[in-house]
């Protein structure tokens, strides 16, 4: 079960580092961070745009540079096909193969289950932030 936690706080803690981390790198050593934001609804929805814009604006003011990638699972329009989730997951894996992703953000239950599920999930070691209020449970499918 996941608990409600501030997205900004989790994001900052994830990107800033962990206790006992080495000294900050020099500018030549700085590597870009990457965040993949997966919305469970279509991009035209006002709240989807607000979430994206809040992340974009916050990240643009920070250092080191953080790339924000966004995808739209759109389970409302396409989720009626049982194979859609697995097809979308495989497409994301192909698209982001070789990209540095430090944080995954899901904005709805369907997107959370998409990221957390799957038999061969390449994202099990990447911090996952769920951005919708309330208690949610993830049931692993085997």
N, C-alpha and C. Protein backbone atom coordinates (compact mmCIF):
# COMPACT_ATOMS: atom_id res chain seq x y z
N UNK A 1 0.84 -1.17 0.00
CA UNK A 1 0.00 0.00 0.00
C UNK A 1 0.90 1.24 0.00
N UNK A 2 0.52 2.26 -0.78
CA UNK A 2 1.27 3.50 -0.85
C UNK A 2 0.60 4.54 0.01
N UNK A 3 1.38 5.46 0.56
CA UNK A 3 0.81 6.53 1.35
C UNK A 3 0.97 7.84 0.59
N UNK A 4 0.15 8.83 0.94
CA UNK A 4 0.22 10.15 0.32
C UNK A 4 1.46 10.87 0.83
N UNK A 5 2.26 11.36 -0.08
CA UNK A 5 3.46 12.11 0.25
C UNK A 5 3.60 13.22 -0.78
N UNK A 6 4.17 14.31 -0.38
CA UNK A 6 4.35 15.44 -1.28
C UNK A 6 5.22 15.05 -2.47
N UNK A 7 4.72 15.29 -3.68
CA UNK A 7 5.49 14.99 -4.88
C UNK A 7 6.78 15.80 -4.91
N UNK A 8 6.70 17.05 -4.56
CA UNK A 8 7.88 17.90 -4.61
C UNK A 8 8.96 17.39 -3.65
N UNK A 9 8.56 17.00 -2.45
CA UNK A 9 9.52 16.51 -1.48
C UNK A 9 10.18 15.23 -1.96
N UNK A 10 9.38 14.28 -2.44
CA UNK A 10 9.94 13.03 -2.94
C UNK A 10 10.86 13.27 -4.12
N UNK A 11 10.45 14.12 -5.02
CA UNK A 11 11.25 14.41 -6.19
C UNK A 11 12.57 15.05 -5.78
N UNK A 12 12.52 16.01 -4.88
CA UNK A 12 13.74 16.66 -4.42
C UNK A 12 14.68 15.68 -3.73
N UNK A 13 14.14 14.84 -2.86
CA UNK A 13 14.97 13.87 -2.17
C UNK A 13 15.61 12.88 -3.14
N UNK A 14 14.88 12.49 -4.15
CA UNK A 14 15.40 11.53 -5.11
C UNK A 14 16.51 12.13 -5.95
N UNK A 15 16.33 13.37 -6.39
CA UNK A 15 17.30 13.98 -7.28
C UNK A 15 18.49 14.59 -6.56
N UNK A 16 18.31 15.02 -5.32
CA UNK A 16 19.40 15.64 -4.59
C UNK A 16 20.44 14.61 -4.17
N UNK A 17 20.01 13.45 -3.76
CA UNK A 17 20.97 12.43 -3.39
C UNK A 17 20.56 11.73 -2.12
N UNK A 18 21.40 10.81 -1.72
CA UNK A 18 21.14 10.02 -0.53
C UNK A 18 22.14 10.38 0.55
N UNK A 19 21.80 10.10 1.82
CA UNK A 19 22.76 10.38 2.88
C UNK A 19 24.07 9.64 2.63
N UNK A 20 25.16 10.33 2.91
CA UNK A 20 26.47 9.70 2.74
C UNK A 20 26.95 9.73 1.30
N UNK A 21 26.28 10.48 0.45
CA UNK A 21 26.70 10.56 -0.95
C UNK A 21 28.01 11.35 -1.04
N UNK A 22 28.82 11.08 -2.05
CA UNK A 22 30.07 11.80 -2.21
C UNK A 22 29.83 13.27 -2.49
N UNK A 23 30.92 14.05 -2.48
CA UNK A 23 30.82 15.48 -2.76
C UNK A 23 30.14 15.71 -4.10
N UNK A 24 29.47 16.87 -4.24
CA UNK A 24 28.82 17.15 -5.52
C UNK A 24 29.84 17.15 -6.65
N UNK A 25 29.43 16.70 -7.82
CA UNK A 25 30.36 16.65 -8.94
C UNK A 25 30.69 18.03 -9.47
N UNK A 26 31.79 18.13 -10.17
CA UNK A 26 32.15 19.39 -10.82
C UNK A 26 31.26 19.56 -12.03
N UNK A 27 31.17 20.79 -12.59
CA UNK A 27 30.30 21.00 -13.75
C UNK A 27 30.60 20.06 -14.92
N UNK A 28 31.86 19.67 -15.09
CA UNK A 28 32.20 18.77 -16.18
C UNK A 28 31.66 17.36 -15.96
N UNK A 29 31.43 16.99 -14.70
CA UNK A 29 30.97 15.65 -14.37
C UNK A 29 29.45 15.54 -14.27
N UNK A 30 28.75 16.66 -14.34
CA UNK A 30 27.31 16.66 -14.11
C UNK A 30 26.60 15.90 -15.24
N UNK A 31 25.74 15.00 -14.84
CA UNK A 31 24.96 14.21 -15.79
C UNK A 31 23.51 14.64 -15.68
N UNK A 32 22.83 14.71 -16.80
CA UNK A 32 21.42 15.09 -16.76
C UNK A 32 20.60 14.00 -16.09
N UNK A 33 19.62 14.44 -15.32
CA UNK A 33 18.67 13.52 -14.72
C UNK A 33 17.47 13.40 -15.66
N UNK A 34 16.72 12.32 -15.51
CA UNK A 34 15.54 12.13 -16.34
C UNK A 34 14.35 11.70 -15.51
N UNK A 35 13.20 12.29 -15.80
CA UNK A 35 11.95 11.93 -15.15
C UNK A 35 10.96 11.55 -16.23
N UNK A 36 10.31 10.42 -16.05
CA UNK A 36 9.26 10.00 -16.98
C UNK A 36 7.92 10.16 -16.26
N UNK A 37 7.10 11.05 -16.77
CA UNK A 37 5.77 11.34 -16.22
C UNK A 37 4.75 10.63 -17.11
N UNK A 38 4.01 9.69 -16.53
CA UNK A 38 2.99 8.96 -17.29
C UNK A 38 1.62 9.31 -16.73
N UNK A 39 0.85 10.00 -17.56
CA UNK A 39 -0.52 10.36 -17.18
C UNK A 39 -1.45 9.24 -17.64
N UNK A 40 -2.45 8.97 -16.84
CA UNK A 40 -3.39 7.91 -17.17
C UNK A 40 -4.54 8.38 -18.03
N UNK A 41 -4.55 9.65 -18.37
CA UNK A 41 -5.65 10.22 -19.14
C UNK A 41 -5.08 10.94 -20.36
N UNK A 42 -5.94 11.50 -21.19
CA UNK A 42 -5.44 12.14 -22.40
C UNK A 42 -4.89 13.52 -22.10
N UNK A 43 -3.96 13.96 -22.93
CA UNK A 43 -3.20 15.19 -22.68
C UNK A 43 -4.04 16.45 -22.76
N UNK A 44 -5.23 16.39 -23.32
CA UNK A 44 -6.08 17.58 -23.44
C UNK A 44 -6.80 17.92 -22.14
N UNK A 45 -6.80 17.00 -21.18
CA UNK A 45 -7.48 17.26 -19.90
C UNK A 45 -6.73 18.36 -19.14
N UNK A 46 -7.43 19.36 -18.61
CA UNK A 46 -6.77 20.47 -17.92
C UNK A 46 -5.88 20.02 -16.75
N UNK A 47 -6.31 19.06 -15.96
CA UNK A 47 -5.50 18.65 -14.82
C UNK A 47 -4.21 17.95 -15.27
N UNK A 48 -4.24 17.27 -16.41
CA UNK A 48 -3.04 16.63 -16.95
C UNK A 48 -2.04 17.72 -17.33
N UNK A 49 -2.51 18.77 -17.98
CA UNK A 49 -1.65 19.90 -18.35
C UNK A 49 -1.10 20.60 -17.12
N UNK A 50 -1.91 20.76 -16.08
CA UNK A 50 -1.45 21.42 -14.86
C UNK A 50 -0.33 20.64 -14.18
N UNK A 51 -0.47 19.33 -14.12
CA UNK A 51 0.58 18.50 -13.51
C UNK A 51 1.86 18.64 -14.31
N UNK A 52 1.77 18.52 -15.63
CA UNK A 52 2.96 18.63 -16.48
C UNK A 52 3.62 20.00 -16.32
N UNK A 53 2.82 21.07 -16.38
CA UNK A 53 3.37 22.42 -16.28
C UNK A 53 4.03 22.67 -14.93
N UNK A 54 3.47 22.12 -13.86
CA UNK A 54 4.07 22.28 -12.53
C UNK A 54 5.44 21.61 -12.48
N UNK A 55 5.53 20.39 -13.00
CA UNK A 55 6.83 19.71 -13.06
C UNK A 55 7.80 20.50 -13.93
N UNK A 56 7.37 20.87 -15.12
CA UNK A 56 8.24 21.59 -16.06
C UNK A 56 8.77 22.87 -15.44
N UNK A 57 7.89 23.67 -14.84
CA UNK A 57 8.31 24.95 -14.27
C UNK A 57 9.25 24.76 -13.09
N UNK A 58 8.97 23.78 -12.25
CA UNK A 58 9.83 23.52 -11.10
C UNK A 58 11.20 23.03 -11.54
N UNK A 59 11.24 22.14 -12.49
CA UNK A 59 12.50 21.58 -12.95
C UNK A 59 13.35 22.57 -13.73
N UNK A 60 12.70 23.48 -14.45
CA UNK A 60 13.46 24.45 -15.24
C UNK A 60 14.25 25.42 -14.36
N UNK A 61 13.83 25.58 -13.11
CA UNK A 61 14.52 26.49 -12.20
C UNK A 61 15.65 25.82 -11.45
N UNK A 62 15.78 24.51 -11.55
CA UNK A 62 16.76 23.79 -10.75
C UNK A 62 18.02 23.41 -11.50
N UNK A 63 19.00 23.01 -10.72
CA UNK A 63 20.23 22.44 -11.28
C UNK A 63 20.52 21.18 -10.50
N UNK A 64 21.08 20.17 -11.03
CA UNK A 64 21.49 20.07 -12.43
C UNK A 64 20.28 19.96 -13.34
N UNK A 65 20.53 20.06 -14.61
CA UNK A 65 19.45 19.99 -15.59
C UNK A 65 18.73 18.64 -15.50
N UNK A 66 17.42 18.70 -15.54
CA UNK A 66 16.60 17.49 -15.49
C UNK A 66 15.68 17.47 -16.70
N UNK A 67 15.74 16.38 -17.45
CA UNK A 67 14.87 16.22 -18.62
C UNK A 67 13.54 15.62 -18.17
N UNK A 68 12.46 16.20 -18.63
CA UNK A 68 11.13 15.72 -18.29
C UNK A 68 10.50 15.12 -19.55
N UNK A 69 10.27 13.83 -19.49
CA UNK A 69 9.60 13.13 -20.58
C UNK A 69 8.17 12.89 -20.14
N UNK A 70 7.23 12.98 -21.06
CA UNK A 70 5.84 12.71 -20.68
C UNK A 70 5.18 11.80 -21.70
N UNK A 71 4.35 10.94 -21.15
CA UNK A 71 3.60 9.99 -21.97
C UNK A 71 2.16 9.96 -21.46
N UNK A 72 1.26 9.55 -22.33
CA UNK A 72 -0.15 9.51 -21.98
C UNK A 72 -0.67 8.10 -22.23
N UNK A 73 -0.94 7.40 -21.15
CA UNK A 73 -1.44 6.03 -21.23
C UNK A 73 -2.82 5.98 -21.85
N UNK A 74 -3.64 6.97 -21.57
CA UNK A 74 -4.97 7.15 -22.16
C UNK A 74 -5.83 5.88 -22.10
N UNK A 75 -5.91 5.35 -20.90
CA UNK A 75 -6.71 4.14 -20.69
C UNK A 75 -8.20 4.40 -20.87
N UNK A 76 -8.61 5.66 -20.81
CA UNK A 76 -10.02 5.99 -20.99
C UNK A 76 -10.48 5.66 -22.41
N UNK A 77 -9.67 6.01 -23.40
CA UNK A 77 -10.07 5.79 -24.79
C UNK A 77 -9.59 4.45 -25.36
N UNK A 78 -8.49 3.91 -24.83
CA UNK A 78 -7.92 2.71 -25.43
C UNK A 78 -7.85 1.51 -24.49
N UNK A 79 -8.18 1.70 -23.23
CA UNK A 79 -8.04 0.65 -22.24
C UNK A 79 -9.04 -0.48 -22.31
N UNK A 80 -9.98 -0.41 -23.23
CA UNK A 80 -10.97 -1.48 -23.34
C UNK A 80 -10.38 -2.74 -23.98
N UNK A 81 -9.22 -2.62 -24.61
CA UNK A 81 -8.55 -3.79 -25.18
C UNK A 81 -7.62 -4.38 -24.13
N UNK A 82 -7.78 -5.63 -23.75
CA UNK A 82 -6.95 -6.23 -22.70
C UNK A 82 -5.46 -6.18 -22.98
N UNK A 83 -5.05 -6.22 -24.23
CA UNK A 83 -3.63 -6.24 -24.58
C UNK A 83 -3.01 -4.84 -24.62
N UNK A 84 -3.81 -3.79 -24.51
CA UNK A 84 -3.31 -2.42 -24.64
C UNK A 84 -2.21 -2.11 -23.62
N UNK A 85 -2.39 -2.45 -22.38
CA UNK A 85 -1.39 -2.12 -21.34
C UNK A 85 -0.04 -2.75 -21.66
N UNK A 86 -0.02 -4.01 -22.04
CA UNK A 86 1.25 -4.67 -22.34
C UNK A 86 1.89 -4.09 -23.60
N UNK A 87 1.10 -3.78 -24.60
CA UNK A 87 1.64 -3.15 -25.82
C UNK A 87 2.25 -1.79 -25.50
N UNK A 88 1.57 -1.00 -24.69
CA UNK A 88 2.07 0.33 -24.32
C UNK A 88 3.35 0.21 -23.49
N UNK A 89 3.37 -0.73 -22.55
CA UNK A 89 4.55 -0.95 -21.71
C UNK A 89 5.76 -1.33 -22.57
N UNK A 90 5.56 -2.24 -23.53
CA UNK A 90 6.67 -2.64 -24.41
C UNK A 90 7.15 -1.46 -25.25
N UNK A 91 6.22 -0.64 -25.72
CA UNK A 91 6.59 0.54 -26.50
C UNK A 91 7.43 1.51 -25.67
N UNK A 92 7.04 1.73 -24.41
CA UNK A 92 7.83 2.59 -23.53
C UNK A 92 9.23 2.03 -23.30
N UNK A 93 9.31 0.73 -23.09
CA UNK A 93 10.62 0.10 -22.87
C UNK A 93 11.52 0.31 -24.08
N UNK A 94 10.99 0.16 -25.28
CA UNK A 94 11.77 0.39 -26.49
C UNK A 94 12.17 1.85 -26.61
N UNK A 95 11.23 2.74 -26.41
CA UNK A 95 11.46 4.17 -26.60
C UNK A 95 12.53 4.70 -25.64
N UNK A 96 12.49 4.26 -24.38
CA UNK A 96 13.39 4.82 -23.37
C UNK A 96 14.61 3.94 -23.10
N UNK A 97 14.81 2.92 -23.89
CA UNK A 97 16.00 2.09 -23.75
C UNK A 97 17.22 2.97 -23.99
N UNK A 98 18.15 2.91 -23.07
CA UNK A 98 19.37 3.71 -23.19
C UNK A 98 19.25 5.12 -22.64
N UNK A 99 18.08 5.51 -22.18
CA UNK A 99 17.89 6.84 -21.58
C UNK A 99 18.06 6.75 -20.07
N UNK A 100 18.62 7.79 -19.49
CA UNK A 100 18.76 7.88 -18.04
C UNK A 100 17.42 8.29 -17.45
N UNK A 101 16.76 7.38 -16.71
CA UNK A 101 15.53 7.70 -16.00
C UNK A 101 15.79 7.52 -14.52
N UNK A 102 15.63 8.60 -13.75
CA UNK A 102 15.90 8.57 -12.31
C UNK A 102 14.63 8.45 -11.49
N UNK A 103 13.50 8.89 -12.04
CA UNK A 103 12.24 8.87 -11.32
C UNK A 103 11.12 8.60 -12.33
N UNK A 104 10.16 7.78 -11.90
CA UNK A 104 8.94 7.56 -12.68
C UNK A 104 7.79 8.18 -11.90
N UNK A 105 6.91 8.89 -12.59
CA UNK A 105 5.76 9.53 -11.94
C UNK A 105 4.49 9.04 -12.63
N UNK A 106 3.55 8.55 -11.85
CA UNK A 106 2.25 8.12 -12.38
C UNK A 106 1.18 9.02 -11.79
N UNK A 107 0.22 9.44 -12.62
CA UNK A 107 -0.80 10.37 -12.13
C UNK A 107 -2.17 9.76 -11.91
N UNK A 108 -2.36 8.51 -12.27
CA UNK A 108 -3.64 7.85 -12.03
C UNK A 108 -3.38 6.38 -11.74
N UNK A 109 -4.36 5.72 -11.18
CA UNK A 109 -4.25 4.31 -10.81
C UNK A 109 -3.84 3.45 -12.01
N UNK A 110 -4.43 3.70 -13.18
CA UNK A 110 -4.10 2.90 -14.36
C UNK A 110 -2.63 3.05 -14.74
N UNK A 111 -2.10 4.25 -14.66
CA UNK A 111 -0.68 4.48 -14.97
C UNK A 111 0.22 3.85 -13.92
N UNK A 112 -0.20 3.90 -12.66
CA UNK A 112 0.55 3.26 -11.58
C UNK A 112 0.65 1.76 -11.80
N UNK A 113 -0.45 1.14 -12.13
CA UNK A 113 -0.45 -0.30 -12.37
C UNK A 113 0.36 -0.66 -13.61
N UNK A 114 0.34 0.21 -14.60
CA UNK A 114 1.13 -0.01 -15.82
C UNK A 114 2.62 -0.05 -15.48
N UNK A 115 3.09 0.92 -14.70
CA UNK A 115 4.51 1.00 -14.36
C UNK A 115 4.92 -0.13 -13.43
N UNK A 116 4.08 -0.43 -12.45
CA UNK A 116 4.44 -1.43 -11.44
C UNK A 116 4.23 -2.86 -11.91
N UNK A 117 3.44 -3.05 -12.93
CA UNK A 117 3.10 -4.40 -13.38
C UNK A 117 4.02 -4.92 -14.45
N UNK A 118 3.63 -6.01 -15.02
CA UNK A 118 4.40 -6.61 -16.10
C UNK A 118 5.35 -7.66 -15.60
N UNK A 119 5.55 -8.67 -16.42
CA UNK A 119 6.43 -9.77 -16.04
C UNK A 119 7.89 -9.34 -16.11
N UNK A 120 8.29 -8.69 -17.19
CA UNK A 120 9.67 -8.23 -17.35
C UNK A 120 9.71 -6.72 -17.23
N UNK A 121 9.62 -6.22 -16.03
CA UNK A 121 9.56 -4.79 -15.78
C UNK A 121 10.98 -4.24 -15.59
N UNK A 122 11.46 -3.39 -16.50
CA UNK A 122 12.83 -2.87 -16.37
C UNK A 122 12.96 -1.73 -15.36
N UNK A 123 11.85 -1.31 -14.77
CA UNK A 123 11.87 -0.13 -13.91
C UNK A 123 11.78 -0.46 -12.43
N UNK A 124 12.05 -1.67 -12.03
CA UNK A 124 11.88 -2.05 -10.62
C UNK A 124 12.85 -1.34 -9.70
N UNK A 125 13.96 -0.85 -10.20
CA UNK A 125 14.95 -0.18 -9.35
C UNK A 125 14.87 1.35 -9.40
N UNK A 126 13.90 1.87 -10.11
CA UNK A 126 13.74 3.32 -10.23
C UNK A 126 12.64 3.77 -9.29
N UNK A 127 12.88 4.83 -8.50
CA UNK A 127 11.83 5.33 -7.60
C UNK A 127 10.56 5.69 -8.37
N UNK A 128 9.44 5.34 -7.78
CA UNK A 128 8.13 5.57 -8.38
C UNK A 128 7.33 6.50 -7.48
N UNK A 129 6.81 7.56 -8.06
CA UNK A 129 5.98 8.51 -7.33
C UNK A 129 4.57 8.45 -7.90
N UNK A 130 3.62 8.29 -7.02
CA UNK A 130 2.22 8.25 -7.43
C UNK A 130 1.60 9.57 -7.02
N UNK A 131 0.99 10.29 -7.98
CA UNK A 131 0.53 11.63 -7.72
C UNK A 131 -0.96 11.83 -7.60
N UNK A 132 -1.72 10.81 -7.25
CA UNK A 132 -3.15 10.96 -7.08
C UNK A 132 -3.47 10.67 -5.61
N UNK A 133 -4.33 11.45 -5.01
CA UNK A 133 -4.60 11.30 -3.58
C UNK A 133 -5.33 10.01 -3.23
N UNK A 134 -5.30 9.68 -1.98
CA UNK A 134 -6.00 8.51 -1.49
C UNK A 134 -5.13 7.29 -1.41
N UNK A 135 -5.63 6.29 -0.70
CA UNK A 135 -4.89 5.04 -0.56
C UNK A 135 -5.08 4.19 -1.81
N UNK A 136 -3.99 3.62 -2.28
CA UNK A 136 -4.05 2.77 -3.46
C UNK A 136 -3.26 1.50 -3.18
N UNK A 137 -3.65 0.45 -3.80
CA UNK A 137 -2.94 -0.81 -3.68
C UNK A 137 -2.49 -1.25 -5.06
N UNK A 138 -1.34 -1.90 -5.08
CA UNK A 138 -0.84 -2.46 -6.31
C UNK A 138 -0.87 -3.98 -6.16
N UNK A 139 -1.54 -4.61 -7.07
CA UNK A 139 -1.57 -6.07 -7.08
C UNK A 139 -0.74 -6.54 -8.24
N UNK A 140 0.31 -7.30 -7.93
CA UNK A 140 1.17 -7.83 -8.98
C UNK A 140 0.46 -8.96 -9.70
N UNK A 141 0.52 -8.91 -11.01
CA UNK A 141 -0.06 -9.97 -11.81
C UNK A 141 1.06 -10.93 -12.18
N UNK A 142 0.80 -12.19 -12.03
CA UNK A 142 1.82 -13.21 -12.34
C UNK A 142 1.44 -13.96 -13.57
